C-alpha cells in the first residue's frame, strides 16, 4: 500500500524525538491553549507501585533462527541466550524474544501494537545500507523536515519503515543514536492508556491538556501521548489514525484486536518481586490472564493492558547473560 504524503507525515509524528513532539504541539495549537492548565498525571503512591523496567518484545515467527539473524544483521543488537532457555536478541537494555509458530502470524495493523524502532544518525546512509542488505521497505525514506510548521525546511529529518520477513514493522528515524529506541501503539483512548502505563509501570511523561481530537491533513493524530520507560519511548496514537491510514486492514472490523498470536505477541515489564507486584496489580483492578508460573529460574505471569495488549510481567530485570 503506497502511503500518501499526508499519511507519511502523520505516521512519523511522536517517533520518540522530544523536539519534534514539542514542535507538533505548537503547530497544532495545543501548546498555545494557555487558558487551560496543563494536565499532569496523577502521582501514584510510590510505596504502592513497585519499581518496574521495560524488559522485552516477544514476537511470533515460523523461523526463530532466521528472525534472530535478520535483526542482528540489520539493527544495533546481538544474539544472546535468554535465561538459559532460548536463543534471543539483546538490544542494549532489553530483549527480543521469539516463539516458533507453524503458520505466518497475523501482522495487519488492527491491534494496539503498531511498530517498534531504532534511531539512525545518518538516515540517508542507513537507508542505503539497508537496501544493500536486501531489506524490504513498507515505507521508503521520507523527508519530514517541515514538521511542526517549519515551512520549507529540508534534509533535516527522515524516517522509513523496514518490514521484517514476518511483516513486523521496524521504524528507522533520524536520531542522535542508533539503538533500539521506541514502541508505537494505537489506542481507543490514548490519554487513559497513558495514565495506565504511568500508574502501573511508572512511565514518565506529560499528558495532553485536552482530549479534543486533533487532525493533520485529514488524519486524526491526537490526543496523543509520549512517555519514557528506561531508554524506550512509548508513544500512543488514536486508533482513528489506523482506521483511515490502513483502511484495507480494517474492512469488517471496528475495534482493536488482541495482540496475542500476532507477529508482535506481547511486551514485557519486569519487577524485582513478582508475587508482590502481581498482588498489587490485581488489587488495582488489573486483569490477570495467566497466573504466575516458574520455568527454570524464570518466574512470569500475563496481564491485559489497555486496548487488549498482552503484557508479560516477569521477575528480575533484563540483563545480558
Protein backbone atom coordinates (compact mmCIF):
# COMPACT_ATOMS: atom_id res chain seq x y z
CA UNK A 1 0.00 0.00 0.00
CA UNK A 2 1.66 3.21 -1.13
CA UNK A 3 1.08 5.92 1.51
CA UNK A 4 0.07 9.46 0.69
CA UNK A 5 2.28 12.36 1.71
CA UNK A 6 -0.21 13.19 4.44
CA UNK A 7 -0.17 9.68 5.84
CA UNK A 8 3.61 9.56 5.84
CA UNK A 9 3.71 12.76 7.85
CA UNK A 10 1.21 11.53 10.38
CA UNK A 11 2.92 8.14 10.60
CA UNK A 12 6.08 9.66 11.97
CA UNK A 13 4.70 12.14 14.50
CA UNK A 14 5.92 11.41 18.03
CA UNK A 15 8.53 8.93 16.79
CA UNK A 16 10.39 9.25 20.06
CA UNK A 17 12.08 12.59 19.45
CA UNK A 18 11.17 15.17 22.07
CA UNK A 19 11.92 18.25 19.98
CA UNK A 20 9.50 17.12 17.29
CA UNK A 21 6.89 16.36 19.91
CA UNK A 22 7.16 19.94 21.13
CA UNK A 23 7.02 21.35 17.61
CA UNK A 24 3.92 19.34 16.84
CA UNK A 25 2.12 20.62 19.94
CA UNK A 26 2.92 24.17 18.91
CA UNK A 27 1.86 23.62 15.31
CA UNK A 28 -1.49 22.11 16.24
CA UNK A 29 -2.27 24.81 18.76
CA UNK A 30 -2.23 22.53 21.78
CA UNK A 31 0.72 24.33 23.33
CA UNK A 32 -0.95 27.71 22.89
CA UNK A 33 -4.02 26.90 24.97
CA UNK A 34 -2.79 28.94 27.92
CA UNK A 35 -6.26 29.31 29.33
CA UNK A 36 -6.24 25.62 30.18
CA UNK A 37 -3.75 24.40 32.79
CA UNK A 38 -1.60 21.51 31.71
CA UNK A 39 -3.00 18.16 32.71
CA UNK A 40 -0.49 16.35 34.86
CA UNK A 41 -0.51 12.67 35.56
CA UNK A 42 -1.87 11.65 38.92
CA UNK A 43 1.14 10.82 41.03
CA UNK A 44 0.73 7.28 42.35
CA UNK A 45 1.73 6.36 45.87
CA UNK A 46 5.38 5.46 45.31
CA UNK A 47 5.21 2.85 48.09
CA UNK A 48 2.31 1.09 46.38
CA UNK A 49 3.92 0.79 42.95
CA UNK A 50 7.00 -1.45 42.81
CA UNK A 51 9.75 -0.25 40.50
CA UNK A 52 9.44 -1.73 37.02
CA UNK A 53 11.51 -1.70 33.85
CA UNK A 54 10.95 -2.39 30.18
CA UNK A 55 12.05 -5.98 29.67
CA UNK A 56 11.24 -7.32 26.19
CA UNK A 57 9.32 -7.55 22.96
CA UNK A 58 8.05 -11.04 22.15
CA UNK A 59 7.44 -11.95 18.52
CA UNK A 60 5.92 -14.96 16.77
CA UNK A 61 7.74 -16.44 13.77
CA UNK A 62 7.89 -19.73 11.86
CA UNK A 63 11.70 -19.49 11.93
CA UNK A 64 13.26 -18.04 15.12
CA UNK A 65 16.81 -18.66 13.89
CA UNK A 66 16.19 -16.66 10.70
CA UNK A 67 14.44 -13.90 12.68
CA UNK A 68 17.41 -13.56 15.03
CA UNK A 69 19.76 -13.35 12.05
CA UNK A 70 17.54 -10.71 10.43
CA UNK A 71 17.50 -8.36 13.43
CA UNK A 72 21.13 -8.78 14.47
CA UNK A 73 22.42 -8.25 10.93
CA UNK A 74 20.42 -5.06 10.34
CA UNK A 75 19.97 -3.25 13.64
CA UNK A 76 22.15 -2.45 16.65
CA UNK A 77 21.65 -5.69 18.58
CA UNK A 78 23.37 -9.02 19.16
CA UNK A 79 22.46 -12.69 19.51
CA UNK A 80 22.37 -13.94 23.08
CA UNK A 81 20.91 -16.67 25.27
CA UNK A 82 17.90 -15.72 27.39
CA UNK A 83 17.52 -17.27 30.87
CA UNK A 84 19.29 -20.40 29.67
CA UNK A 85 16.09 -21.30 27.82
CA UNK A 86 16.17 -19.87 24.32
CA UNK A 87 18.19 -18.04 21.73
CA UNK A 88 17.20 -14.38 21.56
CA UNK A 89 18.28 -10.86 20.61
CA UNK A 90 19.82 -8.44 23.10
CA UNK A 91 19.28 -4.75 22.25
CA UNK A 92 21.26 -2.57 24.68
CA UNK A 93 18.98 -2.81 27.74
CA UNK A 94 16.17 -5.16 26.75
CA UNK A 95 15.36 -8.38 24.92
CA UNK A 96 13.66 -9.51 21.74
CA UNK A 97 12.25 -13.00 22.26
CA UNK A 98 10.77 -15.35 19.67
CA UNK A 99 8.22 -18.16 19.73
CA UNK A 100 8.11 -20.68 16.90
CA UNK A 101 4.68 -20.94 15.24
CA UNK A 102 3.50 -23.25 12.47
CA UNK A 103 1.98 -20.56 10.26
CA UNK A 104 2.96 -16.94 9.47
CA UNK A 105 1.37 -14.80 12.20
CA UNK A 106 -1.18 -12.06 11.55
CA UNK A 107 0.51 -8.69 11.04
CA UNK A 108 -2.20 -6.30 9.82
CA UNK A 109 -2.37 -3.06 11.76
CA UNK A 110 -5.54 -3.79 13.70
CA UNK A 111 -4.06 -4.40 17.16
CA UNK A 112 -2.64 -1.92 19.65
CA UNK A 113 0.99 -2.57 18.62
CA UNK A 114 1.87 -0.51 15.53
CA UNK A 115 5.67 -0.75 15.26
CA UNK A 116 8.97 -0.53 17.15
CA UNK A 117 12.11 1.25 16.09
CA UNK A 118 15.79 2.14 16.08
CA UNK A 119 17.47 5.52 15.62
CA UNK A 120 19.99 6.46 12.93
CA UNK A 121 22.48 9.31 12.98
CA UNK A 122 22.56 9.49 9.18
CA UNK A 123 19.29 8.28 7.69
CA UNK A 124 20.39 8.55 4.05
CA UNK A 125 23.41 6.37 4.71
CA UNK A 126 21.38 3.96 6.81
CA UNK A 127 18.72 3.67 4.12
CA UNK A 128 21.36 2.78 1.54
CA UNK A 129 22.93 0.28 3.91
CA UNK A 130 19.57 -1.40 4.45
CA UNK A 131 18.94 -1.58 0.70
CA UNK A 132 22.31 -3.25 0.17
CA UNK A 133 21.38 -5.77 2.87
CA UNK A 134 18.20 -6.56 0.96
CA UNK A 135 15.80 -5.04 3.48
CA UNK A 136 12.23 -4.61 2.30
CA UNK A 137 10.66 -1.22 2.98
CA UNK A 138 7.00 -0.79 3.87
CA UNK A 139 7.58 2.98 3.78
CA UNK A 140 10.58 4.42 1.88
CA UNK A 141 12.98 7.11 3.04
CA UNK A 142 10.84 10.20 3.65
CA UNK A 143 11.92 13.75 4.45
CA UNK A 144 9.65 15.40 7.02
CA UNK A 145 11.93 18.28 7.97
CA UNK A 146 9.00 20.71 7.68
CA UNK A 147 7.25 19.06 10.62
CA UNK A 148 5.79 21.43 13.18
CA UNK A 149 5.34 24.37 10.82
CA UNK A 150 8.99 24.64 9.83
CA UNK A 151 7.93 25.61 6.30
CA UNK A 152 10.45 24.95 3.54
CA UNK A 153 12.89 23.00 5.72
CA UNK A 154 14.62 20.09 4.01
CA UNK A 155 17.21 17.43 4.65
CA UNK A 156 16.97 17.65 8.45
CA UNK A 157 14.76 14.77 9.48
CA UNK A 158 13.91 11.44 7.85
CA UNK A 159 12.14 8.20 8.62
CA UNK A 160 11.46 4.88 6.89
CA UNK A 161 9.80 1.57 7.77
CA UNK A 162 11.60 -1.73 7.29
CA UNK A 163 9.31 -4.75 7.06
CA UNK A 164 10.68 -7.96 8.53
CA UNK A 165 10.25 -11.32 6.77
CA UNK A 166 7.36 -11.91 9.20
CA UNK A 167 5.97 -8.45 8.31
CA UNK A 168 6.67 -6.74 11.62
CA UNK A 169 7.28 -3.02 11.08
CA UNK A 170 10.58 -1.53 12.25
CA UNK A 171 10.92 2.22 12.06
CA UNK A 172 14.25 3.92 11.43
CA UNK A 173 14.34 7.64 12.15
CA UNK A 174 16.85 10.45 12.44
CA UNK A 175 18.28 10.46 15.96
CA UNK A 176 21.45 11.12 17.89
CA UNK A 177 21.93 7.35 18.34
CA UNK A 178 21.40 4.06 16.53
CA UNK A 179 19.95 1.98 19.36
CA UNK A 180 16.55 0.43 19.97
CA UNK A 181 14.52 3.46 20.94
CA UNK A 182 10.72 3.30 20.77
CA UNK A 183 7.47 1.39 20.72
CA UNK A 184 4.46 2.96 18.99
CA UNK A 185 0.92 1.93 19.97
CA UNK A 186 -2.68 2.61 18.94
CA UNK A 187 -5.46 3.21 21.46
CA UNK A 188 -9.17 3.96 21.58
CA UNK A 189 -8.31 6.40 24.39
CA UNK A 190 -4.62 7.42 24.32
CA UNK A 191 -4.86 9.62 27.41
CA UNK A 192 -6.37 6.89 29.59
CA UNK A 193 -3.87 4.39 28.19
CA UNK A 194 -1.02 6.76 29.05
CA UNK A 195 -2.36 7.18 32.57
CA UNK A 196 -2.48 3.40 32.93
CA UNK A 197 1.19 2.94 31.99
CA UNK A 198 2.19 5.77 34.30
CA UNK A 199 0.22 4.37 37.23
CA UNK A 200 1.16 0.70 36.96
CA UNK A 201 4.66 0.79 35.45
CA UNK A 202 5.98 4.22 36.41
CA UNK A 203 6.33 5.53 32.85
CA UNK A 204 7.34 9.19 32.82
CA UNK A 205 5.90 11.95 30.67
CA UNK A 206 3.21 14.58 30.26
CA UNK A 207 -0.39 14.11 29.28
CA UNK A 208 -2.06 16.44 26.76
CA UNK A 209 -4.07 19.38 28.07
CA UNK A 210 -7.19 18.25 26.25
CA UNK A 211 -8.74 15.11 24.84
CA UNK A 212 -10.08 17.05 21.87
CA UNK A 213 -9.30 15.36 18.54
CA UNK A 214 -6.50 16.93 16.52
CA UNK A 215 -6.06 16.47 12.80
CA UNK A 216 -3.35 16.96 10.23
CA UNK A 217 -4.49 16.99 6.61
CA UNK A 218 -7.50 14.88 7.41
CA UNK A 219 -5.79 12.31 9.64
CA UNK A 220 -6.53 12.23 13.36
CA UNK A 221 -3.24 12.38 15.25
CA UNK A 222 -4.45 13.43 18.67
CA UNK A 223 -4.87 13.30 21.51
CA UNK A 224 -1.52 11.52 21.64
CA UNK A 225 0.80 10.56 24.48
CA UNK A 226 4.59 10.21 24.62
CA UNK A 227 6.14 8.51 27.66
CA UNK A 228 9.55 7.16 28.66
CA UNK A 229 10.35 3.92 30.44
CA UNK A 230 14.09 3.38 30.77
CA UNK A 231 15.54 4.02 27.28
CA UNK A 232 12.27 3.20 25.48
CA UNK A 233 9.88 5.89 24.26
CA UNK A 234 6.28 4.64 24.49
CA UNK A 235 4.11 6.57 22.02
CA UNK A 236 0.33 6.22 21.84
CA UNK A 237 -1.79 7.39 18.89
CA UNK A 238 -5.59 7.37 18.47
CA UNK A 239 -6.95 4.31 16.69
CA UNK A 240 -8.80 6.60 14.28
CA UNK A 241 -5.49 7.20 12.56
CA UNK A 242 -5.05 3.47 11.85
CA UNK A 243 -8.60 3.07 10.61
CA UNK A 244 -8.05 5.70 7.92
CA UNK A 245 -4.39 5.15 7.07
CA UNK A 246 -4.76 1.36 6.84
CA UNK A 247 -8.41 1.18 5.79
CA UNK A 248 -7.89 -2.03 3.82
CA UNK A 249 -6.76 -3.76 7.06
CA UNK A 250 -9.91 -2.61 8.84
CA UNK A 251 -12.59 -3.90 6.49
CA UNK A 252 -15.25 -5.57 8.61
CA UNK A 253 -13.55 -4.53 11.86
CA UNK A 254 -14.47 -1.80 14.35
CA UNK A 255 -12.31 -2.42 17.45
CA UNK A 256 -8.66 -3.11 18.17
CA UNK A 257 -7.91 -6.83 18.37
CA UNK A 258 -5.84 -8.67 20.94
CA UNK A 259 -2.11 -8.80 20.24
CA UNK A 260 -2.00 -12.46 21.29
CA UNK A 261 -0.90 -14.65 18.40
CA UNK A 262 0.11 -11.75 16.18
CA UNK A 263 3.59 -11.01 14.83
CA UNK A 264 4.31 -8.91 17.95
CA UNK A 265 2.55 -11.04 20.54
CA UNK A 266 3.27 -9.02 23.66
CA UNK A 267 5.57 -6.70 25.53
CA UNK A 268 7.22 -7.40 28.88
CA UNK A 269 7.88 -5.43 32.05
CA UNK A 270 9.98 -6.64 34.98
CA UNK A 271 9.78 -6.35 38.75
CA UNK A 272 12.20 -7.40 41.47
CA UNK A 273 9.46 -9.26 43.35
CA UNK A 274 6.80 -10.63 41.02
CA UNK A 275 4.38 -12.07 43.62
CA UNK A 276 4.27 -8.70 45.36
CA UNK A 277 3.88 -6.76 42.10
CA UNK A 278 1.19 -9.12 40.81
CA UNK A 279 -0.78 -8.81 44.04
CA UNK A 280 -0.69 -5.02 43.81
CA UNK A 281 -1.65 -5.00 40.14
CA UNK A 282 -4.58 -7.30 40.91
CA UNK A 283 -5.62 -5.10 43.83
CA UNK A 284 -5.58 -2.10 41.49
CA UNK A 285 -8.04 -3.85 39.18
CA UNK A 286 -5.62 -5.04 36.51
CA UNK A 287 -6.82 -8.21 34.74
CA UNK A 288 -4.50 -11.18 35.24
CA UNK A 289 -4.96 -13.50 32.26
CA UNK A 290 -2.29 -16.12 33.05
CA UNK A 291 -1.33 -16.87 36.64
CA UNK A 292 2.28 -16.90 37.76
CA UNK A 293 4.41 -19.81 36.53
CA UNK A 294 8.02 -20.83 37.01
CA UNK A 295 10.20 -22.43 34.34
CA UNK A 296 13.75 -22.98 35.49
CA UNK A 297 14.82 -19.73 37.08
CA UNK A 298 12.18 -17.76 35.16
CA UNK A 299 9.08 -16.55 37.02
CA UNK A 300 6.36 -14.83 34.98
CA UNK A 301 2.64 -14.11 34.50
CA UNK A 302 0.47 -12.30 31.97
CA UNK A 303 -1.92 -9.37 32.32
CA UNK A 304 -4.11 -7.47 29.87
CA UNK A 305 -3.36 -3.81 29.30
CA UNK A 306 -5.31 -1.09 27.50
CA UNK A 307 -6.75 -1.96 24.09
CA UNK A 308 -6.25 -5.72 24.56
CA UNK A 309 -2.48 -5.53 24.59
CA UNK A 310 -0.90 -8.65 26.06
CA UNK A 311 1.72 -7.87 28.70
CA UNK A 312 4.09 -10.27 30.40
CA UNK A 313 5.26 -9.37 33.89
CA UNK A 314 8.47 -11.10 34.84
CA UNK A 315 10.69 -11.31 37.89
CA UNK A 316 14.20 -9.94 37.53
CA UNK A 317 15.29 -7.05 35.36
CA UNK A 318 16.69 -7.53 31.88
CA UNK A 319 20.40 -8.27 31.68
CA UNK A 320 22.62 -9.98 29.19
CA UNK A 321 23.87 -13.32 30.44
